[in-house]
Protein backbone atom coordinates (compact mmCIF):
# COMPACT_ATOMS: atom_id res chain seq x y z
CA MET A 1 0.00 0.00 0.00
CA LYS A 2 2.86 2.36 0.86
CA LYS A 3 4.54 1.80 -2.51
CA ILE A 4 1.26 2.46 -4.29
CA LEU A 5 0.75 5.64 -2.29
CA LEU A 6 4.28 6.87 -3.01
CA LEU A 7 3.73 6.14 -6.69
CA PHE A 8 0.44 8.05 -6.54
CA LEU A 9 2.21 11.03 -4.96
CA SER A 10 4.91 10.94 -7.61
CA ILE A 11 2.33 10.87 -10.41
CA LEU A 12 0.26 13.55 -8.69
CA PHE A 13 3.28 15.83 -8.37
CA LEU A 14 4.23 15.20 -11.98
CA THR A 15 0.70 16.07 -13.11
CA ASN A 16 0.50 19.20 -11.01
CA ILE A 17 3.97 20.40 -11.83
CA HIS A 18 3.20 20.42 -15.53
CA SER A 19 0.52 22.99 -14.75
CA GLN A 20 3.16 25.29 -13.27
CA THR A 21 4.01 28.51 -15.01
CA ILE A 22 7.35 30.29 -15.27
CA GLU A 23 7.51 34.06 -15.01
CA ILE A 24 10.35 36.47 -15.80
CA TYR A 25 10.73 39.70 -13.81
CA VAL A 26 12.97 42.60 -14.83
CA SER A 27 14.00 45.58 -12.73
CA ASP A 28 14.29 48.69 -14.90
CA GLY A 29 16.82 51.15 -13.47
CA GLY A 30 15.56 53.82 -15.88
CA ASN A 31 17.87 56.81 -15.97
CA PHE A 32 19.91 55.55 -13.04
CA ASN A 33 19.07 57.88 -10.12
CA LEU A 34 16.33 59.55 -12.16
CA GLU A 35 12.92 58.21 -13.12
CA PRO A 36 11.20 56.43 -14.79
CA TRP A 37 11.59 53.18 -12.83
CA GLN A 38 9.53 50.02 -13.08
CA ILE A 39 9.41 46.28 -12.52
CA LEU A 40 8.33 44.34 -15.61
CA LYS A 41 6.82 40.88 -15.73
CA SER A 42 6.50 38.44 -18.65
CA ASP A 43 5.91 34.76 -19.34
CA GLU A 44 8.86 32.40 -19.90
CA THR A 45 8.94 33.17 -23.63
CA GLY A 46 9.27 36.91 -23.00
CA GLU A 47 5.75 37.51 -24.29
CA ASN A 48 2.84 39.21 -22.52
CA VAL A 49 5.11 41.80 -20.91
CA GLU A 50 3.39 44.05 -18.39
CA THR A 51 4.44 46.84 -16.09
CA PHE A 52 3.98 45.06 -12.78
CA ILE A 53 5.26 47.60 -10.21
CA THR A 54 5.78 51.35 -10.27
CA GLU A 55 4.94 52.31 -6.64
CA GLU A 56 7.56 53.24 -4.04
CA LEU A 57 10.54 52.63 -6.30
CA GLY A 58 13.78 54.60 -6.06
CA TRP A 59 16.40 53.35 -8.53
CA PRO A 60 15.38 49.68 -8.09
CA GLN A 61 18.27 47.21 -8.02
CA ASP A 62 17.25 43.64 -7.26
CA ILE A 63 14.19 41.41 -6.98
CA LEU A 64 13.65 38.54 -4.55
CA PHE A 65 10.65 36.29 -3.88
CA LEU A 66 9.50 35.18 -0.42
CA GLU A 67 7.14 32.48 -1.65
CA ASP A 68 5.92 31.37 1.77
CA GLN A 69 4.88 34.98 2.55
CA ASN A 70 3.47 35.69 -0.92
CA ILE A 71 5.84 38.66 -1.05
CA LEU A 72 8.13 40.15 -3.68
CA LEU A 73 11.02 42.31 -2.43
CA VAL A 74 12.72 45.15 -4.32
CA SER A 75 15.92 46.87 -3.18
CA ASN A 76 16.04 50.62 -3.88
CA LEU A 77 19.39 52.41 -3.98
CA ASN A 78 17.96 55.95 -3.89
CA THR A 79 15.71 55.54 -0.85
CA GLY A 80 17.76 53.05 1.18
CA LYS A 81 14.72 50.77 1.41
CA ILE A 82 13.77 47.23 0.58
CA THR A 83 10.09 47.44 -0.32
CA LYS A 84 7.46 44.69 -0.19
CA TYR A 85 4.78 43.90 -2.77
CA ASN A 86 2.00 41.39 -3.10
CA ILE A 87 3.42 38.71 -5.34
CA ASP A 88 0.10 38.21 -7.14
CA ASP A 89 -0.77 41.75 -8.22
CA GLY A 90 2.30 43.89 -7.42
CA THR A 91 0.53 46.02 -4.82
CA TYR A 92 2.84 47.81 -2.39
CA VAL A 93 2.30 46.43 1.12
CA GLY A 94 5.05 48.12 3.14
CA ASP A 95 8.78 48.29 3.79
CA PHE A 96 10.83 45.19 4.57
CA ALA A 97 13.85 47.20 5.78
CA THR A 98 14.95 50.85 5.81
CA GLY A 99 18.05 52.87 6.60
CA ILE A 100 20.35 50.92 4.28
CA ASP A 101 23.15 52.81 2.54
CA GLY A 102 22.11 52.14 -1.05
CA PRO A 103 20.93 48.51 -1.09
CA THR A 104 21.82 46.65 -4.29
CA ARG A 105 21.89 42.83 -4.51
CA MET A 106 19.95 40.58 -2.13
CA LYS A 107 20.37 36.83 -1.67
CA ILE A 108 19.22 34.28 0.90
CA GLY A 109 22.09 32.35 2.49
CA SER A 110 22.22 28.77 3.72
CA ASP A 111 21.41 30.12 7.20
CA SER A 112 18.02 31.31 5.85
CA LEU A 113 19.00 34.95 6.41
CA LEU A 114 18.78 37.64 3.76
CA TYR A 115 22.17 39.11 2.82
CA VAL A 116 22.05 42.67 1.46
CA LEU A 117 24.84 44.61 -0.24
CA GLN A 118 25.36 48.36 0.16
CA TRP A 119 26.53 50.69 -2.59
CA GLN A 120 27.35 53.50 -0.15
CA GLY A 121 28.33 54.01 3.48
CA ASN A 122 30.60 51.47 5.16
CA GLY A 123 29.90 48.88 2.46
CA LYS A 124 29.42 46.03 4.93
CA VAL A 125 27.09 43.15 4.06
CA LYS A 126 23.95 43.31 6.17
CA ARG A 127 21.85 40.34 7.30
CA TYR A 128 18.11 40.24 8.00
CA GLN A 129 15.65 37.63 9.13
CA LEU A 130 13.03 36.92 6.48
CA ASP A 131 10.46 38.98 8.40
CA GLY A 132 12.68 42.06 7.98
CA THR A 133 14.28 42.02 11.43
CA PHE A 134 17.86 43.30 11.29
CA VAL A 135 20.44 40.76 12.46
CA ASP A 136 23.90 42.29 11.99
CA ASP A 137 26.59 43.67 9.75
CA PHE A 138 27.97 40.28 8.73
CA THR A 139 31.31 41.29 7.22
CA ASN A 140 34.07 42.80 9.34
CA SER A 141 35.00 45.20 6.55
CA GLY A 142 33.21 46.88 3.68
CA VAL A 143 33.28 46.66 -0.08
CA SER A 144 32.60 49.97 -1.80
CA GLN A 145 29.93 50.05 -4.51
CA SER A 146 29.21 46.36 -3.88
CA ILE A 147 26.78 44.91 -6.41
CA GLY A 148 27.40 41.16 -6.86
CA ILE A 149 27.14 38.32 -4.32
CA ASP A 150 27.50 34.55 -4.16
CA TRP A 151 28.96 31.70 -2.08
CA ASP A 152 31.36 28.90 -2.97
CA LEU A 153 30.73 25.31 -1.89
CA ALA A 154 32.78 25.85 1.28
CA GLY A 155 30.40 28.62 2.36
CA ASN A 156 32.81 31.50 1.73
CA LEU A 157 31.13 34.72 0.60
CA TYR A 158 32.18 36.69 -2.49
CA VAL A 159 31.28 40.32 -3.20
CA SER A 160 32.04 42.35 -6.32
CA SER A 161 32.91 46.05 -6.29
CA TRP A 162 31.85 48.02 -9.35
CA GLY A 163 34.08 51.01 -8.66
CA GLY A 164 36.94 48.92 -7.28
CA ALA A 165 36.90 46.59 -10.31
CA LYS A 166 37.43 43.59 -8.04
CA VAL A 167 35.85 40.65 -6.22
CA GLU A 168 36.59 40.27 -2.50
CA SER A 169 36.03 37.10 -0.46
CA PHE A 170 35.00 36.51 3.18
CA ASP A 171 35.06 33.40 5.33
CA THR A 172 31.99 31.82 6.95
CA LEU A 173 32.28 34.20 9.92
CA GLY A 174 32.43 37.31 7.74
CA ASN A 175 36.17 37.93 8.06
CA SER A 176 37.82 39.28 4.93
CA LEU A 177 40.05 36.85 3.03
CA GLY A 178 41.27 39.65 0.80
CA ASN A 179 40.83 40.30 -2.88
CA PHE A 180 39.91 37.25 -4.97
CA ILE A 181 40.03 38.96 -8.38
CA THR A 182 41.71 42.28 -9.14
CA SER A 183 42.43 42.02 -12.86
CA SER A 184 40.52 41.66 -16.16
CA LEU A 185 37.49 43.50 -14.77
CA GLN A 186 35.91 46.86 -15.61
CA GLY A 187 32.88 47.54 -13.43
CA PRO A 188 31.80 44.02 -12.36
CA THR A 189 28.15 43.54 -11.44
CA ASN A 190 26.60 40.08 -10.97
CA ILE A 191 28.81 37.19 -9.88
CA TRP A 192 27.91 33.51 -9.57
CA PHE A 193 29.59 30.12 -9.26
CA ASN A 194 28.86 27.38 -11.77
CA GLU A 195 28.73 23.67 -11.00
CA ASP A 196 32.46 23.34 -11.73
CA GLY A 197 33.35 25.85 -9.02
CA GLU A 198 34.26 28.54 -11.53
CA LEU A 199 33.25 32.13 -10.85
CA LEU A 200 31.40 33.99 -13.60
CA VAL A 201 31.43 37.78 -13.56
CA ALA A 202 29.25 40.18 -15.55
CA ASN A 203 31.65 42.88 -16.71
CA TRP A 204 29.37 45.94 -17.00
CA SER A 205 31.92 48.34 -18.46
CA GLY A 206 33.24 45.64 -20.75
CA THR A 207 31.44 43.46 -23.25
CA ALA A 208 31.53 40.00 -21.70
CA ILE A 209 30.71 37.54 -18.95
CA LYS A 210 34.17 36.56 -17.73
CA ARG A 211 35.11 33.21 -16.21
CA PHE A 212 37.66 32.60 -13.44
CA ASP A 213 38.88 29.39 -11.82
CA ALA A 214 38.55 28.46 -8.16
CA SER A 215 41.76 30.35 -7.39
CA GLY A 216 40.63 33.56 -9.11
CA ASN A 217 42.69 33.07 -12.27
CA TYR A 218 41.14 34.34 -15.51
CA ILE A 219 40.07 31.50 -17.85
CA ASP A 220 38.20 33.11 -20.73
CA ASP A 221 35.22 35.21 -21.81
CA PHE A 222 32.27 32.86 -21.38
CA ILE A 223 29.78 35.12 -23.21
CA THR A 224 30.80 37.98 -25.52
CA GLY A 225 29.11 40.72 -27.52
CA LEU A 226 27.32 42.28 -24.55
CA GLY A 227 26.88 45.92 -23.61
CA ASN A 228 26.52 46.85 -19.93
CA PRO A 229 25.44 43.37 -18.75
CA GLU A 230 23.60 43.33 -15.44
CA GLY A 231 20.87 41.06 -14.15
CA VAL A 232 21.34 37.31 -14.55
CA ASP A 233 19.18 34.25 -13.89
CA TYR A 234 18.63 30.73 -15.21
CA LEU A 235 15.50 29.21 -16.66
CA PRO A 236 14.68 25.63 -15.58
CA SER A 237 15.96 24.47 -18.99
CA GLY A 238 19.43 25.77 -18.06
CA ASN A 239 19.22 28.66 -20.53
CA ILE A 240 20.63 31.92 -19.23
CA LEU A 241 18.91 35.32 -19.13
CA ILE A 242 21.11 38.44 -19.10
CA GLY A 243 20.05 42.08 -18.99
CA ASN A 244 21.83 44.12 -21.67
CA GLY A 245 21.70 47.78 -20.70
CA GLN A 246 23.30 49.14 -23.83
CA THR A 247 20.40 47.91 -26.00
CA SER A 248 17.63 47.99 -23.34
CA ALA A 249 16.97 44.28 -23.87
CA VAL A 250 17.09 40.94 -22.06
CA LYS A 251 19.15 38.35 -23.94
CA LEU A 252 18.77 34.57 -23.88
CA PHE A 253 21.74 32.18 -24.11
CA ASP A 254 22.00 28.41 -23.99
CA PRO A 255 23.89 26.70 -21.10
CA ASN A 256 27.12 26.85 -23.12
CA GLY A 257 26.87 30.61 -23.59
CA ASN A 258 25.63 30.60 -27.18
CA PHE A 259 23.24 33.43 -28.06
CA ILE A 260 19.65 32.38 -28.85
CA GLU A 261 17.61 35.57 -29.07
CA ASP A 262 16.58 38.82 -27.42
CA ILE A 263 13.80 37.27 -25.35
CA ILE A 264 12.65 40.77 -24.31
CA PRO A 265 13.67 42.99 -27.25
CA SER A 266 14.67 46.65 -27.19
CA GLY A 267 11.70 48.99 -26.79
CA THR A 268 9.47 46.48 -25.01
CA ALA A 269 7.26 48.20 -22.41
CA ASP A 270 9.57 51.24 -22.51
CA LEU A 271 12.38 49.24 -20.89
CA ILE A 272 15.48 51.42 -20.49
CA LEU A 273 18.05 49.80 -18.18
CA PRO A 274 17.56 46.17 -17.11
CA ASN A 275 19.62 45.73 -13.94
CA ALA A 276 17.99 42.66 -12.40
CA VAL A 277 16.45 39.64 -14.10
CA ARG A 278 14.64 37.04 -11.99
CA VAL A 279 12.88 33.80 -12.88
CA ARG A 280 9.95 32.65 -10.77
CA VAL A 281 8.48 29.16 -10.91
CA VAL A 282 4.85 29.41 -9.82
CA ALA A 283 4.06 26.15 -8.09
CA ALA A 284 0.70 24.45 -8.43
CA PRO A 285 -0.62 23.20 -5.07
CA VAL A 286 0.11 19.57 -4.24
CA SER A 287 -2.87 17.73 -2.77
CA THR A 288 -2.35 16.05 0.60
CA THR A 289 -5.65 14.18 0.68
CA GLN A 290 -3.81 10.89 0.30
CA ILE A 291 -1.19 11.69 2.93
CA GLU A 292 -1.61 10.02 6.30
CA THR A 293 -0.25 13.12 8.07
CA ALA A 294 0.72 16.49 6.62
CA LEU A 295 2.79 19.01 8.57
CA GLU A 296 6.00 20.98 8.31
CA PHE A 297 8.96 18.70 9.00
CA ILE A 298 11.75 20.49 7.08
CA GLN A 299 13.62 23.66 7.90
CA PRO A 300 14.29 26.05 6.29
CA THR A 301 11.74 26.12 3.49
CA ILE A 302 13.97 28.39 1.35
CA GLY A 303 17.70 27.92 0.85
CA THR A 304 20.19 25.32 -0.35
CA SER A 305 20.52 22.99 2.68
CA PHE A 306 17.50 21.39 4.30
CA TYR A 307 17.19 19.71 7.70
CA LEU A 308 14.68 17.82 9.83
CA SER A 309 12.79 20.26 12.02
CA SER A 310 13.43 19.98 15.75
CA LYS A 311 9.75 20.81 16.33
CA ASN A 312 8.59 17.31 15.37
CA ASP A 313 9.75 13.84 16.38
CA LEU A 314 8.61 11.90 13.32
CA ASN A 315 11.29 9.18 13.16
CA ILE A 316 11.79 9.72 9.43
CA LYS A 317 13.98 7.01 7.90
CA VAL A 318 13.98 7.76 4.17
CA VAL A 319 13.21 10.68 1.86
CA SER A 320 12.65 10.93 -1.88
CA ILE A 321 13.28 14.24 -3.62
CA TYR A 322 11.49 15.27 -6.84
CA ASN A 323 12.33 18.26 -9.03
CA PHE A 324 9.92 20.72 -10.66
CA LEU A 325 9.29 18.25 -13.52
CA GLY A 326 8.33 15.47 -11.11
CA VAL A 327 11.58 13.60 -11.81
CA LEU A 328 13.08 11.68 -8.88
CA ILE A 329 16.38 13.39 -8.02
CA GLU A 330 17.48 11.34 -5.05
CA THR A 331 16.32 8.81 -2.47
CA ARG A 332 18.35 8.63 0.70
CA ILE A 333 18.28 7.03 4.13
CA ILE A 334 18.41 9.56 6.96
CA SER A 335 21.41 9.08 9.24
CA ASP A 336 21.48 12.56 10.79
CA ASN A 337 19.27 15.63 10.71
CA GLN A 338 20.41 16.80 7.27
CA ILE A 339 17.92 15.80 4.58
CA TRP A 340 19.46 17.40 1.50
CA ASN A 341 22.37 19.59 0.49
CA ALA A 342 21.12 21.03 -2.81
CA ASN A 343 24.05 23.20 -3.87
CA GLN A 344 24.46 21.36 -7.17
CA GLU A 345 20.79 21.52 -8.23
CA ALA A 346 18.97 24.22 -10.19
CA GLU A 347 16.90 26.78 -8.33
CA GLY A 348 13.17 26.12 -8.13
CA ILE A 349 10.42 24.25 -6.31
CA TYR A 350 11.13 20.69 -5.11
CA LEU A 351 8.90 18.13 -3.40
CA ILE A 352 10.26 16.00 -0.56
CA VAL A 353 8.32 12.80 0.26
CA ALA A 354 9.31 11.22 3.58
CA GLU A 355 8.48 7.91 5.23
CA SER A 356 8.80 7.29 8.98
CA THR A 357 9.85 4.09 10.72
CA ASP A 358 6.14 3.57 11.50
CA GLY A 359 5.23 3.78 7.82
CA ASP A 360 3.64 7.25 8.00
CA LEU A 361 4.08 9.47 4.93
CA TYR A 362 4.69 13.20 4.77
CA THR A 363 5.26 15.69 1.95
CA GLN A 364 6.62 19.20 1.95
CA LYS A 365 7.62 21.64 -0.78
CA VAL A 366 10.89 23.55 -0.48
CA PHE A 367 12.21 26.40 -2.59
CA LEU A 368 15.84 25.99 -3.62
CA LYS A 369 17.20 29.52 -3.77
CA ARG A 370 20.83 30.66 -3.59
């Protein structure tokens, strides 16, 4: 009976997940510190573009989704605020955080805290709980005009400096490890690690996405022919979206860096300066009518590493993990409280099906977000 039920859940998830939709969001920096500013929204093909947000923007920089709160966050360099919007209709619902010295990039860490970069002031990386409560200045030193952020597999933090033309690294406690890259860059913006541990850097004042090895040595230009690249994200297919400020467009590349098309062409919806591009997978609800017990047994629900919650003693012995297509990614026996380290998987919604030693079944969705 248990095998039949697990099969039913797998088929149910596969059926529901095919009804999911993928949305593309673009932050339009307009005339830099001067209006107009907007957040655009389109389908995964770049069609049906709409102006989704115009309220309470002040040189918008980055976009982040808090799916469990039904909230979209926007960082605003001019006002020093991170503003909150209803994720369904784009209505402004308040401020997530204020008093930041020019917030630029935002990213959720493996500790389920929001890391925020500052363009101005002391340049330290700030951390917030996901309800907006300030935690601390995480780094012991600042990075001026910081605008790109990511972590390596060891948990070290990397921050790019546009004006400093460099990438600096910090250890897991926020102590500076010094400059990681100081050459071959002219105004770096987004940075991100690929599955091979190589660091990719969007070179805004240059014409390329540059690639560096794990020691910070320049390898090659991964993508060329760009103009003021800023704003990067991946579609579930592995294709790459890149904002191209020089032509007011969003470009689409395959996983190997080959150009496909301008998915959002120049002139669309009066787009001027794309400086953040974000992909959102809208999850269809998964029915729990066939689950013997349904409750939250995983923490956090957003991040890259997932653990058994200390709130429940469920005696879980095995978990099966399904991706957004309903494909089984991994089945593993639980030997400690860590369920899944997902650093090597693509961002998106995943379903975890767990079985206890008593034969009870549980499901929970998690959002893999770096």
